Amino acid sequence: MGLRTLLITLNLDMIGQMSCNPSVGGIGKGHIVAEIEAMGGGMGRLADQSGLQFRMLNTRKGYAVQALRVQTDRYRYRDLARRLLESYPGLSLSKERL
């Protein structure tokens, strides 16, 4: 679309920060990750690049409940997320308190 966008955050170093359990995927979140990727997001690619362990869940059950889960290096994921956002043309990052 060619629009310029400003992303405002309290701390630029915490963009992409994951919780204490840094996993991506699984039965529930795996669908969300696929939808984010379909819309051009980077969550799945970032998880692939920062993954420490890749595991297929529920392998003894049917295909409908099997899902991939990735345990990531939360610091590498955070750094890659910030670099990805900084690479988007038209996106500016700003540290501000509103």
N, C-alpha and C. Protein backbone atom coordinates (compact mmCIF):
# COMPACT_ATOMS: atom_id res chain seq x y z
N MET A 1 0.81 -1.19 0.00
CA MET A 1 0.00 0.00 0.00
C MET A 1 0.86 1.26 0.00
N GLY A 2 2.10 1.15 0.41
CA GLY A 2 2.98 2.30 0.38
C GLY A 2 2.77 3.31 1.50
N LEU A 3 2.10 2.92 2.54
CA LEU A 3 1.83 3.84 3.65
C LEU A 3 2.98 3.84 4.65
N ARG A 4 3.14 4.95 5.33
CA ARG A 4 4.13 5.03 6.40
C ARG A 4 3.43 4.77 7.73
N THR A 5 4.09 4.02 8.59
CA THR A 5 3.51 3.62 9.88
C THR A 5 4.52 3.87 10.98
N LEU A 6 4.03 4.33 12.13
CA LEU A 6 4.87 4.54 13.30
C LEU A 6 4.48 3.54 14.37
N LEU A 7 5.43 2.74 14.83
CA LEU A 7 5.22 1.81 15.93
C LEU A 7 5.83 2.45 17.17
N ILE A 8 5.01 2.70 18.18
CA ILE A 8 5.46 3.33 19.41
C ILE A 8 5.50 2.29 20.52
N THR A 9 6.61 2.23 21.24
CA THR A 9 6.78 1.28 22.33
C THR A 9 7.52 1.95 23.48
N LEU A 10 7.36 1.40 24.67
CA LEU A 10 8.07 1.93 25.83
C LEU A 10 9.55 1.56 25.81
N ASN A 11 9.87 0.41 25.22
CA ASN A 11 11.24 -0.07 25.24
C ASN A 11 11.53 -0.79 23.92
N LEU A 12 12.36 -0.21 23.09
CA LEU A 12 12.69 -0.82 21.80
C LEU A 12 13.39 -2.16 21.95
N ASP A 13 14.11 -2.34 23.05
CA ASP A 13 14.83 -3.59 23.27
C ASP A 13 13.91 -4.76 23.62
N MET A 14 12.65 -4.48 23.94
CA MET A 14 11.72 -5.53 24.33
C MET A 14 10.74 -5.91 23.22
N ILE A 15 10.93 -5.36 22.02
CA ILE A 15 10.07 -5.75 20.90
C ILE A 15 10.32 -7.22 20.59
N GLY A 16 9.28 -8.01 20.52
CA GLY A 16 9.43 -9.43 20.24
C GLY A 16 9.76 -10.27 21.46
N GLN A 17 9.72 -9.68 22.65
CA GLN A 17 10.04 -10.42 23.88
C GLN A 17 9.01 -11.52 24.11
N MET A 18 9.48 -12.72 24.37
CA MET A 18 8.59 -13.85 24.62
C MET A 18 8.46 -14.07 26.12
N SER A 19 7.46 -14.84 26.50
CA SER A 19 7.22 -15.15 27.90
C SER A 19 8.29 -16.10 28.44
N CYS A 20 8.14 -16.49 29.69
CA CYS A 20 9.11 -17.39 30.30
C CYS A 20 9.08 -18.78 29.67
N ASN A 21 8.01 -19.13 28.96
CA ASN A 21 7.93 -20.39 28.22
C ASN A 21 7.92 -20.06 26.73
N PRO A 22 9.09 -19.90 26.14
CA PRO A 22 9.16 -19.41 24.76
C PRO A 22 8.89 -20.48 23.71
N SER A 23 7.64 -20.88 23.58
CA SER A 23 7.30 -21.88 22.57
C SER A 23 6.36 -21.26 21.54
N VAL A 24 6.49 -21.75 20.32
CA VAL A 24 5.64 -21.30 19.22
C VAL A 24 5.05 -22.55 18.59
N GLY A 25 3.76 -22.53 18.36
CA GLY A 25 3.09 -23.67 17.74
C GLY A 25 2.26 -24.42 18.75
N GLY A 26 2.07 -25.68 18.49
CA GLY A 26 1.20 -26.49 19.33
C GLY A 26 -0.19 -26.57 18.70
N ILE A 27 -1.09 -27.24 19.37
CA ILE A 27 -2.42 -27.49 18.81
C ILE A 27 -3.21 -26.19 18.63
N GLY A 28 -3.21 -25.33 19.64
CA GLY A 28 -3.98 -24.09 19.56
C GLY A 28 -3.24 -22.98 18.83
N LYS A 29 -2.04 -22.67 19.30
CA LYS A 29 -1.30 -21.54 18.75
C LYS A 29 -0.78 -21.82 17.35
N GLY A 30 -0.67 -23.07 16.97
CA GLY A 30 -0.19 -23.40 15.63
C GLY A 30 -1.08 -22.85 14.54
N HIS A 31 -2.39 -22.84 14.77
CA HIS A 31 -3.32 -22.28 13.78
C HIS A 31 -3.13 -20.78 13.65
N ILE A 32 -2.92 -20.11 14.78
CA ILE A 32 -2.69 -18.66 14.77
C ILE A 32 -1.41 -18.33 14.02
N VAL A 33 -0.35 -19.11 14.26
CA VAL A 33 0.93 -18.89 13.58
C VAL A 33 0.75 -19.03 12.07
N ALA A 34 0.00 -20.04 11.64
CA ALA A 34 -0.24 -20.25 10.21
C ALA A 34 -1.00 -19.08 9.61
N GLU A 35 -1.98 -18.54 10.33
CA GLU A 35 -2.74 -17.40 9.83
C GLU A 35 -1.88 -16.14 9.76
N ILE A 36 -1.01 -15.94 10.75
CA ILE A 36 -0.11 -14.79 10.73
C ILE A 36 0.82 -14.88 9.53
N GLU A 37 1.36 -16.07 9.27
CA GLU A 37 2.24 -16.26 8.12
C GLU A 37 1.50 -16.03 6.81
N ALA A 38 0.25 -16.47 6.72
CA ALA A 38 -0.53 -16.29 5.50
C ALA A 38 -0.76 -14.81 5.19
N MET A 39 -0.77 -13.97 6.23
CA MET A 39 -0.96 -12.53 6.03
C MET A 39 0.36 -11.78 5.91
N GLY A 40 1.47 -12.50 5.79
CA GLY A 40 2.75 -11.86 5.58
C GLY A 40 3.54 -11.60 6.85
N GLY A 41 3.09 -12.12 7.97
CA GLY A 41 3.81 -11.95 9.23
C GLY A 41 5.04 -12.82 9.30
N GLY A 42 5.81 -12.68 10.36
CA GLY A 42 7.07 -13.39 10.45
C GLY A 42 7.21 -14.33 11.62
N MET A 43 6.14 -14.59 12.36
CA MET A 43 6.25 -15.39 13.58
C MET A 43 6.81 -16.79 13.32
N GLY A 44 6.31 -17.46 12.31
CA GLY A 44 6.78 -18.81 12.01
C GLY A 44 8.23 -18.82 11.54
N ARG A 45 8.60 -17.87 10.68
CA ARG A 45 9.98 -17.79 10.20
C ARG A 45 10.94 -17.47 11.34
N LEU A 46 10.53 -16.57 12.23
CA LEU A 46 11.37 -16.23 13.38
C LEU A 46 11.55 -17.45 14.28
N ALA A 47 10.48 -18.22 14.47
CA ALA A 47 10.58 -19.43 15.29
C ALA A 47 11.52 -20.45 14.65
N ASP A 48 11.45 -20.59 13.32
CA ASP A 48 12.37 -21.50 12.63
C ASP A 48 13.82 -21.07 12.80
N GLN A 49 14.08 -19.77 12.73
CA GLN A 49 15.44 -19.26 12.81
C GLN A 49 16.00 -19.29 14.23
N SER A 50 15.13 -19.23 15.23
CA SER A 50 15.61 -19.18 16.62
C SER A 50 15.30 -20.46 17.39
N GLY A 51 14.84 -21.49 16.70
CA GLY A 51 14.42 -22.72 17.36
C GLY A 51 15.55 -23.51 17.98
N LEU A 52 15.28 -24.03 19.17
CA LEU A 52 16.22 -24.91 19.86
C LEU A 52 15.76 -26.36 19.78
N GLN A 53 14.44 -26.57 19.87
CA GLN A 53 13.88 -27.92 19.82
C GLN A 53 12.60 -27.89 19.00
N PHE A 54 12.48 -28.82 18.07
CA PHE A 54 11.30 -28.94 17.23
C PHE A 54 10.66 -30.29 17.56
N ARG A 55 9.40 -30.29 17.94
CA ARG A 55 8.76 -31.54 18.36
C ARG A 55 7.34 -31.63 17.77
N MET A 56 7.03 -32.80 17.25
CA MET A 56 5.68 -33.07 16.78
C MET A 56 4.88 -33.62 17.95
N LEU A 57 3.79 -32.96 18.28
CA LEU A 57 2.96 -33.35 19.41
C LEU A 57 1.88 -34.34 18.98
N ASN A 58 1.47 -35.19 19.90
CA ASN A 58 0.36 -36.14 19.72
C ASN A 58 0.59 -37.10 18.55
N THR A 59 1.78 -37.64 18.43
CA THR A 59 2.08 -38.54 17.31
C THR A 59 1.33 -39.87 17.42
N ARG A 60 0.86 -40.21 18.60
CA ARG A 60 0.12 -41.47 18.76
C ARG A 60 -1.37 -41.30 18.49
N LYS A 61 -1.77 -40.08 18.19
CA LYS A 61 -3.18 -39.80 17.91
C LYS A 61 -3.35 -39.51 16.43
N GLY A 62 -4.55 -39.19 16.03
CA GLY A 62 -4.83 -38.92 14.62
C GLY A 62 -4.20 -37.63 14.12
N TYR A 63 -4.17 -37.49 12.80
CA TYR A 63 -3.54 -36.32 12.18
C TYR A 63 -4.23 -35.01 12.58
N ALA A 64 -5.51 -35.06 12.89
CA ALA A 64 -6.25 -33.84 13.21
C ALA A 64 -5.74 -33.17 14.48
N VAL A 65 -5.14 -33.91 15.39
CA VAL A 65 -4.67 -33.31 16.65
C VAL A 65 -3.14 -33.25 16.74
N GLN A 66 -2.45 -33.60 15.66
CA GLN A 66 -0.99 -33.48 15.67
C GLN A 66 -0.59 -32.05 15.33
N ALA A 67 0.47 -31.59 15.94
CA ALA A 67 0.93 -30.22 15.69
C ALA A 67 2.42 -30.11 16.01
N LEU A 68 3.08 -29.20 15.32
CA LEU A 68 4.48 -28.93 15.56
C LEU A 68 4.61 -27.83 16.62
N ARG A 69 5.52 -28.04 17.57
CA ARG A 69 5.82 -27.02 18.57
C ARG A 69 7.32 -26.78 18.56
N VAL A 70 7.70 -25.51 18.61
CA VAL A 70 9.11 -25.12 18.60
C VAL A 70 9.44 -24.40 19.89
N GLN A 71 10.44 -24.90 20.60
CA GLN A 71 10.99 -24.17 21.75
C GLN A 71 12.08 -23.27 21.18
N THR A 72 11.99 -21.98 21.46
CA THR A 72 12.92 -21.03 20.86
C THR A 72 13.87 -20.45 21.89
N ASP A 73 14.96 -19.92 21.38
CA ASP A 73 15.86 -19.10 22.19
C ASP A 73 15.21 -17.73 22.26
N ARG A 74 14.68 -17.38 23.41
CA ARG A 74 13.87 -16.16 23.52
C ARG A 74 14.66 -14.90 23.22
N TYR A 75 15.96 -14.89 23.48
CA TYR A 75 16.78 -13.70 23.20
C TYR A 75 17.07 -13.58 21.71
N ARG A 76 17.34 -14.70 21.06
CA ARG A 76 17.56 -14.66 19.61
C ARG A 76 16.27 -14.29 18.90
N TYR A 77 15.14 -14.83 19.33
CA TYR A 77 13.84 -14.50 18.73
C TYR A 77 13.60 -13.00 18.84
N ARG A 78 13.85 -12.43 20.01
CA ARG A 78 13.64 -10.99 20.24
C ARG A 78 14.51 -10.16 19.30
N ASP A 79 15.78 -10.54 19.17
CA ASP A 79 16.69 -9.79 18.29
C ASP A 79 16.28 -9.90 16.83
N LEU A 80 15.89 -11.10 16.41
CA LEU A 80 15.46 -11.29 15.03
C LEU A 80 14.17 -10.53 14.74
N ALA A 81 13.26 -10.49 15.71
CA ALA A 81 12.00 -9.77 15.53
C ALA A 81 12.26 -8.28 15.33
N ARG A 82 13.15 -7.73 16.12
CA ARG A 82 13.45 -6.30 15.98
C ARG A 82 14.10 -6.02 14.62
N ARG A 83 15.04 -6.87 14.21
CA ARG A 83 15.67 -6.68 12.90
C ARG A 83 14.65 -6.78 11.76
N LEU A 84 13.71 -7.71 11.90
CA LEU A 84 12.68 -7.86 10.88
C LEU A 84 11.83 -6.60 10.79
N LEU A 85 11.41 -6.07 11.93
CA LEU A 85 10.60 -4.86 11.93
C LEU A 85 11.38 -3.67 11.38
N GLU A 86 12.65 -3.57 11.72
CA GLU A 86 13.47 -2.46 11.22
C GLU A 86 13.70 -2.55 9.71
N SER A 87 13.55 -3.73 9.13
CA SER A 87 13.78 -3.90 7.70
C SER A 87 12.57 -3.54 6.85
N TYR A 88 11.38 -3.41 7.46
CA TYR A 88 10.18 -3.09 6.69
C TYR A 88 10.24 -1.65 6.20
N PRO A 89 10.11 -1.44 4.89
CA PRO A 89 10.08 -0.07 4.39
C PRO A 89 8.79 0.63 4.84
N GLY A 90 8.91 1.87 5.24
CA GLY A 90 7.74 2.63 5.66
C GLY A 90 7.36 2.44 7.11
N LEU A 91 8.07 1.57 7.84
CA LEU A 91 7.78 1.37 9.26
C LEU A 91 8.86 2.04 10.09
N SER A 92 8.45 2.94 10.96
CA SER A 92 9.38 3.62 11.86
C SER A 92 9.12 3.16 13.28
N LEU A 93 10.18 2.94 14.04
CA LEU A 93 10.07 2.53 15.43
C LEU A 93 10.44 3.71 16.31
N SER A 94 9.67 3.91 17.38
CA SER A 94 9.94 5.03 18.28
C SER A 94 9.71 4.60 19.72
N LYS A 95 10.62 5.06 20.59
CA LYS A 95 10.48 4.81 22.02
C LYS A 95 9.86 6.06 22.64
N GLU A 96 8.63 5.94 23.10
CA GLU A 96 7.89 7.09 23.63
C GLU A 96 6.99 6.64 24.77
N ARG A 97 6.66 7.56 25.60
CA ARG A 97 5.65 7.36 26.62
C ARG A 97 4.52 8.33 26.31
N LEU A 98 3.34 7.81 26.11
CA LEU A 98 2.19 8.66 25.76
C LEU A 98 1.36 8.99 26.98
